[in-house]
């Protein structure tokens, strides 16, 4: 059974291309800023994923501890 992993986060180069198209940098400095924006955006998405995972783990621990206290 071959299952491909899900890719919820777009590849950085794809995002960079999208930002370049939207912002249309006209100088090297502007291009560097676009790359930094993309980098920050990718890092933010990664942190959001980690926070969502942590939230689910905390919810699970909370539910388990509540069940243990009710016994």
PDB file of N, CA and C in Angstrom:
ATOM      1  N   UNK A   1       0.842  -1.172   0.000  1.00  0.00           N
ATOM      2  CA  UNK A   1       0.000   0.000   0.000  1.00  0.00           C
ATOM      3  C   UNK A   1       0.890   1.240   0.000  1.00  0.00           C
ATOM      4  N   UNK A   2       0.888   1.978  -1.070  1.00  0.00           N
ATOM      5  CA  UNK A   2       1.682   3.205  -1.177  1.00  0.00           C
ATOM      6  C   UNK A   2       0.804   4.400  -0.884  1.00  0.00           C
ATOM      7  N   UNK A   3       1.152   5.098   0.182  1.00  0.00           N
ATOM      8  CA  UNK A   3       0.424   6.311   0.540  1.00  0.00           C
ATOM      9  C   UNK A   3       1.414   7.454   0.552  1.00  0.00           C
ATOM     10  N   UNK A   4       1.125   8.480  -0.222  1.00  0.00           N
ATOM     11  CA  UNK A   4       2.002   9.641  -0.244  1.00  0.00           C
ATOM     12  C   UNK A   4       1.700  10.523   0.949  1.00  0.00           C
ATOM     13  N   UNK A   5       2.721  11.100   1.581  1.00  0.00           N
ATOM     14  CA  UNK A   5       2.477  12.005   2.698  1.00  0.00           C
ATOM     15  C   UNK A   5       1.754  13.261   2.236  1.00  0.00           C
ATOM     16  N   UNK A   6       0.919  13.769   3.113  1.00  0.00           N
ATOM     17  CA  UNK A   6       0.204  15.003   2.785  1.00  0.00           C
ATOM     18  C   UNK A   6       1.156  16.182   2.892  1.00  0.00           C
ATOM     19  N   UNK A   7       0.981  17.126   2.007  1.00  0.00           N
ATOM     20  CA  UNK A   7       1.791  18.340   2.034  1.00  0.00           C
ATOM     21  C   UNK A   7       0.853  19.507   2.247  1.00  0.00           C
ATOM     22  N   UNK A   8       0.643  19.866   3.508  1.00  0.00           N
ATOM     23  CA  UNK A   8      -0.252  20.969   3.834  1.00  0.00           C
ATOM     24  C   UNK A   8       0.413  22.315   3.624  1.00  0.00           C
ATOM     25  N   UNK A   9       1.727  22.348   3.752  1.00  0.00           N
ATOM     26  CA  UNK A   9       2.455  23.590   3.607  1.00  0.00           C
ATOM     27  C   UNK A   9       3.007  23.696   2.193  1.00  0.00           C
ATOM     28  N   UNK A  10       2.702  24.776   1.506  1.00  0.00           N
ATOM     29  CA  UNK A  10       3.260  24.939   0.160  1.00  0.00           C
ATOM     30  C   UNK A  10       4.782  25.027   0.213  1.00  0.00           C
ATOM     31  N   UNK A  11       5.408  24.600  -0.856  1.00  0.00           N
ATOM     32  CA  UNK A  11       6.852  24.698  -0.933  1.00  0.00           C
ATOM     33  C   UNK A  11       7.255  26.169  -0.911  1.00  0.00           C
ATOM     34  N   UNK A  12       8.378  26.490  -0.225  1.00  0.00           N
ATOM     35  CA  UNK A  12       8.791  27.891  -0.148  1.00  0.00           C
ATOM     36  C   UNK A  12       8.977  28.555  -1.502  1.00  0.00           C
ATOM     37  N   UNK A  13       9.529  27.843  -2.473  1.00  0.00           N
ATOM     38  CA  UNK A  13       9.750  28.472  -3.777  1.00  0.00           C
ATOM     39  C   UNK A  13       8.427  28.838  -4.434  1.00  0.00           C
ATOM     40  N   UNK A  14       7.394  28.059  -4.190  1.00  0.00           N
ATOM     41  CA  UNK A  14       6.088  28.376  -4.740  1.00  0.00           C
ATOM     42  C   UNK A  14       5.562  29.657  -4.100  1.00  0.00           C
ATOM     43  N   UNK A  15       5.694  29.739  -2.792  1.00  0.00           N
ATOM     44  CA  UNK A  15       5.272  30.955  -2.102  1.00  0.00           C
ATOM     45  C   UNK A  15       6.097  32.143  -2.557  1.00  0.00           C
ATOM     46  N   UNK A  16       7.393  31.917  -2.735  1.00  0.00           N
ATOM     47  CA  UNK A  16       8.243  33.021  -3.172  1.00  0.00           C
ATOM     48  C   UNK A  16       7.801  33.510  -4.543  1.00  0.00           C
ATOM     49  N   UNK A  17       7.501  32.590  -5.427  1.00  0.00           N
ATOM     50  CA  UNK A  17       7.028  32.986  -6.756  1.00  0.00           C
ATOM     51  C   UNK A  17       5.736  33.797  -6.648  1.00  0.00           C
ATOM     52  N   UNK A  18       4.838  33.360  -5.758  1.00  0.00           N
ATOM     53  CA  UNK A  18       3.578  34.078  -5.575  1.00  0.00           C
ATOM     54  C   UNK A  18       3.826  35.485  -5.037  1.00  0.00           C
ATOM     55  N   UNK A  19       4.718  35.591  -4.057  1.00  0.00           N
ATOM     56  CA  UNK A  19       5.029  36.911  -3.508  1.00  0.00           C
ATOM     57  C   UNK A  19       5.685  37.805  -4.553  1.00  0.00           C
ATOM     58  N   UNK A  20       6.581  37.243  -5.361  1.00  0.00           N
ATOM     59  CA  UNK A  20       7.250  38.028  -6.403  1.00  0.00           C
ATOM     60  C   UNK A  20       6.215  38.563  -7.380  1.00  0.00           C
ATOM     61  N   UNK A  21       5.268  37.703  -7.757  1.00  0.00           N
ATOM     62  CA  UNK A  21       4.233  38.143  -8.684  1.00  0.00           C
ATOM     63  C   UNK A  21       3.368  39.244  -8.073  1.00  0.00           C
ATOM     64  N   UNK A  22       3.044  39.098  -6.788  1.00  0.00           N
ATOM     65  CA  UNK A  22       2.185  40.088  -6.140  1.00  0.00           C
ATOM     66  C   UNK A  22       2.910  41.394  -5.858  1.00  0.00           C
ATOM     67  N   UNK A  23       4.153  41.293  -5.388  1.00  0.00           N
ATOM     68  CA  UNK A  23       4.870  42.494  -4.956  1.00  0.00           C
ATOM     69  C   UNK A  23       5.722  43.120  -6.058  1.00  0.00           C
ATOM     70  N   UNK A  24       6.068  42.350  -7.052  1.00  0.00           N
ATOM     71  CA  UNK A  24       6.865  42.808  -8.182  1.00  0.00           C
ATOM     72  C   UNK A  24       8.093  43.628  -7.749  1.00  0.00           C
ATOM     73  N   UNK A  25       9.043  42.977  -7.078  1.00  0.00           N
ATOM     74  CA  UNK A  25      10.242  43.704  -6.637  1.00  0.00           C
ATOM     75  C   UNK A  25      11.023  44.248  -7.824  1.00  0.00           C
ATOM     76  N   UNK A  26      11.533  45.440  -7.640  1.00  0.00           N
ATOM     77  CA  UNK A  26      12.246  46.114  -8.730  1.00  0.00           C
ATOM     78  C   UNK A  26      13.745  46.236  -8.474  1.00  0.00           C
ATOM     79  N   UNK A  27      14.173  45.802  -7.309  1.00  0.00           N
ATOM     80  CA  UNK A  27      15.600  45.885  -7.012  1.00  0.00           C
ATOM     81  C   UNK A  27      16.026  44.639  -6.233  1.00  0.00           C
ATOM     82  N   UNK A  28      17.326  44.497  -6.104  1.00  0.00           N
ATOM     83  CA  UNK A  28      17.862  43.355  -5.360  1.00  0.00           C
ATOM     84  C   UNK A  28      17.430  43.422  -3.900  1.00  0.00           C
ATOM     85  N   UNK A  29      17.414  44.603  -3.329  1.00  0.00           N
ATOM     86  CA  UNK A  29      16.979  44.774  -1.945  1.00  0.00           C
ATOM     87  C   UNK A  29      15.524  44.326  -1.774  1.00  0.00           C
ATOM     88  N   UNK A  30      14.679  44.712  -2.689  1.00  0.00           N
ATOM     89  CA  UNK A  30      13.275  44.314  -2.629  1.00  0.00           C
ATOM     90  C   UNK A  30      13.133  42.800  -2.780  1.00  0.00           C
ATOM     91  N   UNK A  31      13.946  42.196  -3.637  1.00  0.00           N
ATOM     92  CA  UNK A  31      13.909  40.739  -3.799  1.00  0.00           C
ATOM     93  C   UNK A  31      14.331  40.040  -2.504  1.00  0.00           C
ATOM     94  N   UNK A  32      15.342  40.584  -1.835  1.00  0.00           N
ATOM     95  CA  UNK A  32      15.768  40.014  -0.561  1.00  0.00           C
ATOM     96  C   UNK A  32      14.663  40.136   0.477  1.00  0.00           C
ATOM     97  N   UNK A  33      13.975  41.257   0.472  1.00  0.00           N
ATOM     98  CA  UNK A  33      12.850  41.421   1.393  1.00  0.00           C
ATOM     99  C   UNK A  33      11.747  40.412   1.111  1.00  0.00           C
ATOM    100  N   UNK A  34      11.491  40.153  -0.150  1.00  0.00           N
ATOM    101  CA  UNK A  34      10.486  39.156  -0.517  1.00  0.00           C
ATOM    102  C   UNK A  34      10.910  37.781   0.002  1.00  0.00           C
ATOM    103  N   UNK A  35      12.179  37.444  -0.159  1.00  0.00           N
ATOM    104  CA  UNK A  35      12.660  36.155   0.350  1.00  0.00           C
ATOM    105  C   UNK A  35      12.492  36.070   1.864  1.00  0.00           C
ATOM    106  N   UNK A  36      12.752  37.166   2.562  1.00  0.00           N
ATOM    107  CA  UNK A  36      12.579  37.173   4.015  1.00  0.00           C
ATOM    108  C   UNK A  36      11.107  37.020   4.400  1.00  0.00           C
ATOM    109  N   UNK A  37      10.228  37.666   3.650  1.00  0.00           N
ATOM    110  CA  UNK A  37       8.787  37.533   3.896  1.00  0.00           C
ATOM    111  C   UNK A  37       8.365  36.079   3.721  1.00  0.00           C
ATOM    112  N   UNK A  38       8.850  35.440   2.670  1.00  0.00           N
ATOM    113  CA  UNK A  38       8.521  34.040   2.411  1.00  0.00           C
ATOM    114  C   UNK A  38       9.045  33.166   3.538  1.00  0.00           C
ATOM    115  N   UNK A  39      10.278  33.397   3.942  1.00  0.00           N
ATOM    116  CA  UNK A  39      10.880  32.622   5.023  1.00  0.00           C
ATOM    117  C   UNK A  39      10.040  32.753   6.293  1.00  0.00           C
ATOM    118  N   UNK A  40       9.663  33.971   6.641  1.00  0.00           N
ATOM    119  CA  UNK A  40       8.853  34.200   7.837  1.00  0.00           C
ATOM    120  C   UNK A  40       7.479  33.545   7.719  1.00  0.00           C
ATOM    121  N   UNK A  41       6.908  33.594   6.536  1.00  0.00           N
ATOM    122  CA  UNK A  41       5.608  32.980   6.307  1.00  0.00           C
ATOM    123  C   UNK A  41       5.671  31.464   6.497  1.00  0.00           C
ATOM    124  N   UNK A  42       6.700  30.840   5.957  1.00  0.00           N
ATOM    125  CA  UNK A  42       6.872  29.393   6.100  1.00  0.00           C
ATOM    126  C   UNK A  42       7.092  29.029   7.560  1.00  0.00           C
ATOM    127  N   UNK A  43       7.912  29.800   8.266  1.00  0.00           N
ATOM    128  CA  UNK A  43       8.160  29.533   9.685  1.00  0.00           C
ATOM    129  C   UNK A  43       6.866  29.698  10.491  1.00  0.00           C
ATOM    130  N   UNK A  44       6.074  30.709  10.166  1.00  0.00           N
ATOM    131  CA  UNK A  44       4.818  30.936  10.857  1.00  0.00           C
ATOM    132  C   UNK A  44       3.865  29.755  10.655  1.00  0.00           C
ATOM    133  N   UNK A  45       3.763  29.269   9.437  1.00  0.00           N
ATOM    134  CA  UNK A  45       2.916  28.103   9.165  1.00  0.00           C
ATOM    135  C   UNK A  45       3.383  26.892   9.960  1.00  0.00           C
ATOM    136  N   UNK A  46       4.694  26.712  10.047  1.00  0.00           N
ATOM    137  CA  UNK A  46       5.253  25.599  10.810  1.00  0.00           C
ATOM    138  C   UNK A  46       4.901  25.731  12.291  1.00  0.00           C
ATOM    139  N   UNK A  47       5.029  26.936  12.833  1.00  0.00           N
ATOM    140  CA  UNK A  47       4.694  27.163  14.239  1.00  0.00           C
ATOM    141  C   UNK A  47       3.203  26.952  14.491  1.00  0.00           C
ATOM    142  N   UNK A  48       2.367  27.362  13.546  1.00  0.00           N
ATOM    143  CA  UNK A  48       0.931  27.140  13.684  1.00  0.00           C
ATOM    144  C   UNK A  48       0.620  25.645  13.728  1.00  0.00           C
ATOM    145  N   UNK A  49       1.320  24.874  12.921  1.00  0.00           N
ATOM    146  CA  UNK A  49       1.132  23.427  12.920  1.00  0.00           C
ATOM    147  C   UNK A  49       1.553  22.837  14.264  1.00  0.00           C
ATOM    148  N   UNK A  50       2.695  23.283  14.773  1.00  0.00           N
ATOM    149  CA  UNK A  50       3.155  22.804  16.078  1.00  0.00           C
ATOM    150  C   UNK A  50       2.177  23.172  17.185  1.00  0.00           C
ATOM    151  N   UNK A  51       1.654  24.389  17.131  1.00  0.00           N
ATOM    152  CA  UNK A  51       0.688  24.814  18.151  1.00  0.00           C
ATOM    153  C   UNK A  51      -0.602  24.005  18.075  1.00  0.00           C
ATOM    154  N   UNK A  52      -1.055  23.704  16.889  1.00  0.00           N
ATOM    155  CA  UNK A  52      -2.269  22.888  16.738  1.00  0.00           C
ATOM    156  C   UNK A  52      -2.037  21.492  17.304  1.00  0.00           C
ATOM    157  N   UNK A  53      -0.861  20.935  17.050  1.00  0.00           N
ATOM    158  CA  UNK A  53      -0.526  19.620  17.594  1.00  0.00           C
ATOM    159  C   UNK A  53      -0.468  19.667  19.112  1.00  0.00           C
ATOM    160  N   UNK A  54       0.163  20.695  19.653  1.00  0.00           N
ATOM    161  CA  UNK A  54       0.258  20.838  21.105  1.00  0.00           C
ATOM    162  C   UNK A  54      -1.131  21.004  21.727  1.00  0.00           C
ATOM    163  N   UNK A  55      -1.996  21.743  21.068  1.00  0.00           N
ATOM    164  CA  UNK A  55      -3.361  21.934  21.561  1.00  0.00           C
ATOM    165  C   UNK A  55      -4.088  20.598  21.650  1.00  0.00           C
ATOM    166  N   UNK A  56      -3.969  19.783  20.620  1.00  0.00           N
ATOM    167  CA  UNK A  56      -4.621  18.475  20.621  1.00  0.00           C
ATOM    168  C   UNK A  56      -4.043  17.576  21.712  1.00  0.00           C
ATOM    169  N   UNK A  57      -2.733  17.626  21.897  1.00  0.00           N
ATOM    170  CA  UNK A  57      -2.107  16.823  22.947  1.00  0.00           C
ATOM    171  C   UNK A  57      -2.578  17.271  24.323  1.00  0.00           C
ATOM    172  N   UNK A  58      -2.658  18.581  24.537  1.00  0.00           N
ATOM    173  CA  UNK A  58      -3.143  19.095  25.820  1.00  0.00           C
ATOM    174  C   UNK A  58      -4.594  18.709  26.068  1.00  0.00           C
ATOM    175  N   UNK A  59      -5.405  18.785  25.021  1.00  0.00           N
ATOM    176  CA  UNK A  59      -6.810  18.396  25.148  1.00  0.00           C
ATOM    177  C   UNK A  59      -6.918  16.918  25.533  1.00  0.00           C
ATOM    178  N   UNK A  60      -6.089  16.083  24.912  1.00  0.00           N
ATOM    179  CA  UNK A  60      -6.106  14.655  25.208  1.00  0.00           C
ATOM    180  C   UNK A  60      -5.693  14.400  26.654  1.00  0.00           C
ATOM    181  N   UNK A  61      -4.627  15.038  27.101  1.00  0.00           N
ATOM    182  CA  UNK A  61      -4.158  14.873  28.481  1.00  0.00           C
ATOM    183  C   UNK A  61      -5.217  15.371  29.466  1.00  0.00           C
ATOM    184  N   UNK A  62      -5.824  16.495  29.166  1.00  0.00           N
ATOM    185  CA  UNK A  62      -6.876  17.041  30.023  1.00  0.00           C
ATOM    186  C   UNK A  62      -8.049  16.065  30.126  1.00  0.00           C
ATOM    187  N   UNK A  63      -8.496  15.548  28.988  1.00  0.00           N
ATOM    188  CA  UNK A  63      -9.615  14.600  28.986  1.00  0.00           C
ATOM    189  C   UNK A  63      -9.269  13.331  29.754  1.00  0.00           C
ATOM    190  N   UNK A  64      -8.063  12.825  29.562  1.00  0.00           N
ATOM    191  CA  UNK A  64      -7.639  11.615  30.272  1.00  0.00           C
ATOM    192  C   UNK A  64      -7.559  11.856  31.772  1.00  0.00           C
ATOM    193  N   UNK A  65      -7.035  13.006  32.177  1.00  0.00           N
ATOM    194  CA  UNK A  65      -6.930  13.290  33.614  1.00  0.00           C
ATOM    195  C   UNK A  65      -8.308  13.506  34.229  1.00  0.00           C
ATOM    196  N   UNK A  66      -9.223  14.111  33.484  1.00  0.00           N
ATOM    197  CA  UNK A  66     -10.582  14.310  33.975  1.00  0.00           C
ATOM    198  C   UNK A  66     -11.267  12.956  34.157  1.00  0.00           C
ATOM    199  N   UNK A  67     -11.057  12.046  33.204  1.00  0.00           N
ATOM    200  CA  UNK A  67     -11.632  10.710  33.324  1.00  0.00           C
ATOM    201  C   UNK A  67     -11.048   9.977  34.517  1.00  0.00           C
ATOM    202  N   UNK A  68      -9.733  10.115  34.728  1.00  0.00           N
ATOM    203  CA  UNK A  68      -9.078   9.435  35.858  1.00  0.00           C
ATOM    204  C   UNK A  68      -9.602   9.976  37.189  1.00  0.00           C
ATOM    205  N   UNK A  69      -9.866  11.260  37.276  1.00  0.00           N
ATOM    206  CA  UNK A  69     -10.378  11.845  38.523  1.00  0.00           C
ATOM    207  C   UNK A  69     -11.817  11.431  38.788  1.00  0.00           C
ATOM    208  N   UNK A  70     -12.576  11.154  37.754  1.00  0.00           N
ATOM    209  CA  UNK A  70     -13.978  10.787  37.946  1.00  0.00           C
ATOM    210  C   UNK A  70     -14.126   9.329  38.389  1.00  0.00           C
ATOM    211  N   UNK A  71     -13.066   8.542  38.260  1.00  0.00           N
ATOM    212  CA  UNK A  71     -13.131   7.128  38.685  1.00  0.00           C
ATOM    213  C   UNK A  71     -12.955   7.025  40.131  1.00  0.00           C
TER     214      UNK A  71
END
